[in-house]
């Protein structure tokens, strides 16, 4: 948001974190400033959720340059049926035939109930 000049639309608390981040940037590198700001947000969130004392350590996740695609195991993948198996199986009734049957049933009931 700060890089997009949208900081004025942020809530007051978020603007305070952004100001602290900018202060950290003058004192340290961008990576260290980001890490310090994340730690600050984490501590604030921990206290807001009712945590007492120092918050537990959070795991740092390093971004890797390689992104791996999630693979579904071969046995769990649904296998499409061959085209010949679909056509050789059950034949579907056309929609018009079903509609005509419903009309016949409706007319039959209406005549029966008179």
C-alpha atoms as a PDB file:
ATOM      1  CA  UNK A   1       0.000   0.000   0.000  1.00  0.00           C
ATOM      2  CA  UNK A   2       2.807   2.363   0.810  1.00  0.00           C
ATOM      3  CA  UNK A   3       4.435   1.772  -2.559  1.00  0.00           C
ATOM      4  CA  UNK A   4       1.112   2.458  -4.298  1.00  0.00           C
ATOM      5  CA  UNK A   5       0.576   5.736  -2.396  1.00  0.00           C
ATOM      6  CA  UNK A   6      -2.520   4.319  -0.756  1.00  0.00           C
ATOM      7  CA  UNK A   7      -1.337   4.818   2.807  1.00  0.00           C
ATOM      8  CA  UNK A   8      -3.934   7.504   3.505  1.00  0.00           C
ATOM      9  CA  UNK A   9      -6.728   4.946   3.119  1.00  0.00           C
ATOM     10  CA  UNK A  10      -5.255   2.643   5.750  1.00  0.00           C
ATOM     11  CA  UNK A  11      -6.681   2.491   9.281  1.00  0.00           C
ATOM     12  CA  UNK A  12      -4.882   4.499  11.965  1.00  0.00           C
ATOM     13  CA  UNK A  13      -3.155   1.464  13.455  1.00  0.00           C
ATOM     14  CA  UNK A  14      -1.860   0.363  10.064  1.00  0.00           C
ATOM     15  CA  UNK A  15      -0.585   3.880   9.404  1.00  0.00           C
ATOM     16  CA  UNK A  16       1.336   3.728  12.694  1.00  0.00           C
ATOM     17  CA  UNK A  17       2.964   0.464  11.611  1.00  0.00           C
ATOM     18  CA  UNK A  18       3.834   2.037   8.280  1.00  0.00           C
ATOM     19  CA  UNK A  19       5.450   5.010  10.001  1.00  0.00           C
ATOM     20  CA  UNK A  20       7.465   2.637  12.207  1.00  0.00           C
ATOM     21  CA  UNK A  21       8.530   0.743   9.077  1.00  0.00           C
ATOM     22  CA  UNK A  22       9.732   3.951   7.472  1.00  0.00           C
ATOM     23  CA  UNK A  23      11.643   4.783  10.664  1.00  0.00           C
ATOM     24  CA  UNK A  24      13.215   1.328  10.608  1.00  0.00           C
ATOM     25  CA  UNK A  25      14.234   1.880   6.983  1.00  0.00           C
ATOM     26  CA  UNK A  26      16.352   4.874   7.949  1.00  0.00           C
ATOM     27  CA  UNK A  27      18.144   2.792  10.574  1.00  0.00           C
ATOM     28  CA  UNK A  28      18.597  -0.584   8.832  1.00  0.00           C
ATOM     29  CA  UNK A  29      18.324  -2.440   5.535  1.00  0.00           C
ATOM     30  CA  UNK A  30      14.979  -3.131   3.879  1.00  0.00           C
ATOM     31  CA  UNK A  31      15.010  -6.833   4.783  1.00  0.00           C
ATOM     32  CA  UNK A  32      15.780  -6.093   8.437  1.00  0.00           C
ATOM     33  CA  UNK A  33      13.170  -3.327   8.523  1.00  0.00           C
ATOM     34  CA  UNK A  34      10.551  -5.663   7.081  1.00  0.00           C
ATOM     35  CA  UNK A  35      11.421  -8.341   9.603  1.00  0.00           C
ATOM     36  CA  UNK A  36      11.318  -5.870  12.503  1.00  0.00           C
ATOM     37  CA  UNK A  37       7.941  -4.536  11.357  1.00  0.00           C
ATOM     38  CA  UNK A  38       6.519  -8.043  11.042  1.00  0.00           C
ATOM     39  CA  UNK A  39       7.721  -8.816  14.568  1.00  0.00           C
ATOM     40  CA  UNK A  40       6.111  -5.598  15.794  1.00  0.00           C
ATOM     41  CA  UNK A  41       2.789  -6.431  14.137  1.00  0.00           C
ATOM     42  CA  UNK A  42       2.980  -9.960  15.548  1.00  0.00           C
ATOM     43  CA  UNK A  43       3.542  -8.677  19.098  1.00  0.00           C
ATOM     44  CA  UNK A  44       0.696  -6.207  18.742  1.00  0.00           C
ATOM     45  CA  UNK A  45      -1.668  -8.896  17.444  1.00  0.00           C
ATOM     46  CA  UNK A  46      -0.639 -11.267  20.253  1.00  0.00           C
ATOM     47  CA  UNK A  47      -1.406  -8.620  22.871  1.00  0.00           C
ATOM     48  CA  UNK A  48      -4.688  -7.687  21.178  1.00  0.00           C
ATOM     49  CA  UNK A  49      -5.843 -11.322  21.208  1.00  0.00           C
ATOM     50  CA  UNK A  50      -5.271 -11.546  24.939  1.00  0.00           C
ATOM     51  CA  UNK A  51      -1.741 -12.890  25.067  1.00  0.00           C
ATOM     52  CA  UNK A  52       0.215 -12.111  28.203  1.00  0.00           C
ATOM     53  CA  UNK A  53       3.975 -11.648  28.296  1.00  0.00           C
ATOM     54  CA  UNK A  54       6.227 -12.166  25.350  1.00  0.00           C
ATOM     55  CA  UNK A  55       4.670 -13.865  22.352  1.00  0.00           C
ATOM     56  CA  UNK A  56       5.964 -17.267  21.290  1.00  0.00           C
ATOM     57  CA  UNK A  57       8.535 -17.376  18.530  1.00  0.00           C
ATOM     58  CA  UNK A  58       7.113 -17.566  15.037  1.00  0.00           C
ATOM     59  CA  UNK A  59       8.685 -19.650  12.334  1.00  0.00           C
ATOM     60  CA  UNK A  60      10.465 -17.768   9.621  1.00  0.00           C
ATOM     61  CA  UNK A  61       9.699 -19.036   6.185  1.00  0.00           C
ATOM     62  CA  UNK A  62      12.218 -18.343   3.489  1.00  0.00           C
ATOM     63  CA  UNK A  63      10.871 -17.860   0.032  1.00  0.00           C
ATOM     64  CA  UNK A  64      12.430 -20.135  -2.501  1.00  0.00           C
ATOM     65  CA  UNK A  65      12.954 -19.119  -6.061  1.00  0.00           C
ATOM     66  CA  UNK A  66      11.563 -22.381  -7.373  1.00  0.00           C
ATOM     67  CA  UNK A  67       7.838 -22.893  -7.150  1.00  0.00           C
ATOM     68  CA  UNK A  68       6.676 -26.460  -7.300  1.00  0.00           C
ATOM     69  CA  UNK A  69       3.319 -27.393  -8.676  1.00  0.00           C
ATOM     70  CA  UNK A  70       1.072 -29.327  -6.339  1.00  0.00           C
ATOM     71  CA  UNK A  71       0.646 -32.821  -7.712  1.00  0.00           C
ATOM     72  CA  UNK A  72      -2.350 -34.992  -7.000  1.00  0.00           C
ATOM     73  CA  UNK A  73      -1.420 -38.633  -6.458  1.00  0.00           C
ATOM     74  CA  UNK A  74      -2.178 -40.799  -9.480  1.00  0.00           C
ATOM     75  CA  UNK A  75      -4.634 -42.994  -7.582  1.00  0.00           C
ATOM     76  CA  UNK A  76      -6.639 -39.973  -6.383  1.00  0.00           C
ATOM     77  CA  UNK A  77      -7.080 -38.421  -9.820  1.00  0.00           C
ATOM     78  CA  UNK A  78     -10.488 -38.947 -11.369  1.00  0.00           C
ATOM     79  CA  UNK A  79     -10.087 -40.736 -14.655  1.00  0.00           C
ATOM     80  CA  UNK A  80     -12.389 -39.728 -17.473  1.00  0.00           C
ATOM     81  CA  UNK A  81     -14.391 -42.504 -19.067  1.00  0.00           C
ATOM     82  CA  UNK A  82     -13.670 -43.282 -22.678  1.00  0.00           C
ATOM     83  CA  UNK A  83     -16.138 -41.878 -25.198  1.00  0.00           C
ATOM     84  CA  UNK A  84     -17.270 -45.344 -26.279  1.00  0.00           C
ATOM     85  CA  UNK A  85     -18.189 -46.301 -22.696  1.00  0.00           C
ATOM     86  CA  UNK A  86     -20.377 -43.215 -22.315  1.00  0.00           C
ATOM     87  CA  UNK A  87     -22.384 -43.802 -25.481  1.00  0.00           C
ATOM     88  CA  UNK A  88     -22.706 -47.570 -24.953  1.00  0.00           C
ATOM     89  CA  UNK A  89     -24.078 -47.107 -21.419  1.00  0.00           C
ATOM     90  CA  UNK A  90     -27.476 -45.715 -20.472  1.00  0.00           C
ATOM     91  CA  UNK A  91     -29.278 -43.708 -23.089  1.00  0.00           C
ATOM     92  CA  UNK A  92     -30.603 -40.403 -21.873  1.00  0.00           C
ATOM     93  CA  UNK A  93     -34.178 -39.353 -22.423  1.00  0.00           C
ATOM     94  CA  UNK A  94     -34.480 -36.126 -24.352  1.00  0.00           C
ATOM     95  CA  UNK A  95     -35.716 -33.158 -22.375  1.00  0.00           C
ATOM     96  CA  UNK A  96     -38.739 -32.719 -24.651  1.00  0.00           C
ATOM     97  CA  UNK A  97     -39.924 -36.275 -23.933  1.00  0.00           C
ATOM     98  CA  UNK A  98     -39.687 -35.704 -20.192  1.00  0.00           C
ATOM     99  CA  UNK A  99     -41.606 -32.421 -20.530  1.00  0.00           C
ATOM    100  CA  UNK A 100     -44.359 -34.118 -22.570  1.00  0.00           C
ATOM    101  CA  UNK A 101     -44.681 -36.850 -19.924  1.00  0.00           C
ATOM    102  CA  UNK A 102     -45.038 -34.217 -17.188  1.00  0.00           C
ATOM    103  CA  UNK A 103     -47.761 -32.428 -19.186  1.00  0.00           C
ATOM    104  CA  UNK A 104     -49.657 -35.711 -19.693  1.00  0.00           C
ATOM    105  CA  UNK A 105     -49.459 -36.491 -15.974  1.00  0.00           C
ATOM    106  CA  UNK A 106     -50.643 -32.959 -15.079  1.00  0.00           C
ATOM    107  CA  UNK A 107     -53.581 -33.099 -17.509  1.00  0.00           C
ATOM    108  CA  UNK A 108     -54.469 -36.583 -16.272  1.00  0.00           C
ATOM    109  CA  UNK A 109     -54.570 -35.436 -12.657  1.00  0.00           C
ATOM    110  CA  UNK A 110     -56.578 -32.328 -13.491  1.00  0.00           C
ATOM    111  CA  UNK A 111     -59.207 -34.399 -15.367  1.00  0.00           C
ATOM    112  CA  UNK A 112     -59.256 -37.036 -12.614  1.00  0.00           C
ATOM    113  CA  UNK A 113     -59.887 -34.513  -9.825  1.00  0.00           C
ATOM    114  CA  UNK A 114     -62.926 -32.909 -11.595  1.00  0.00           C
END
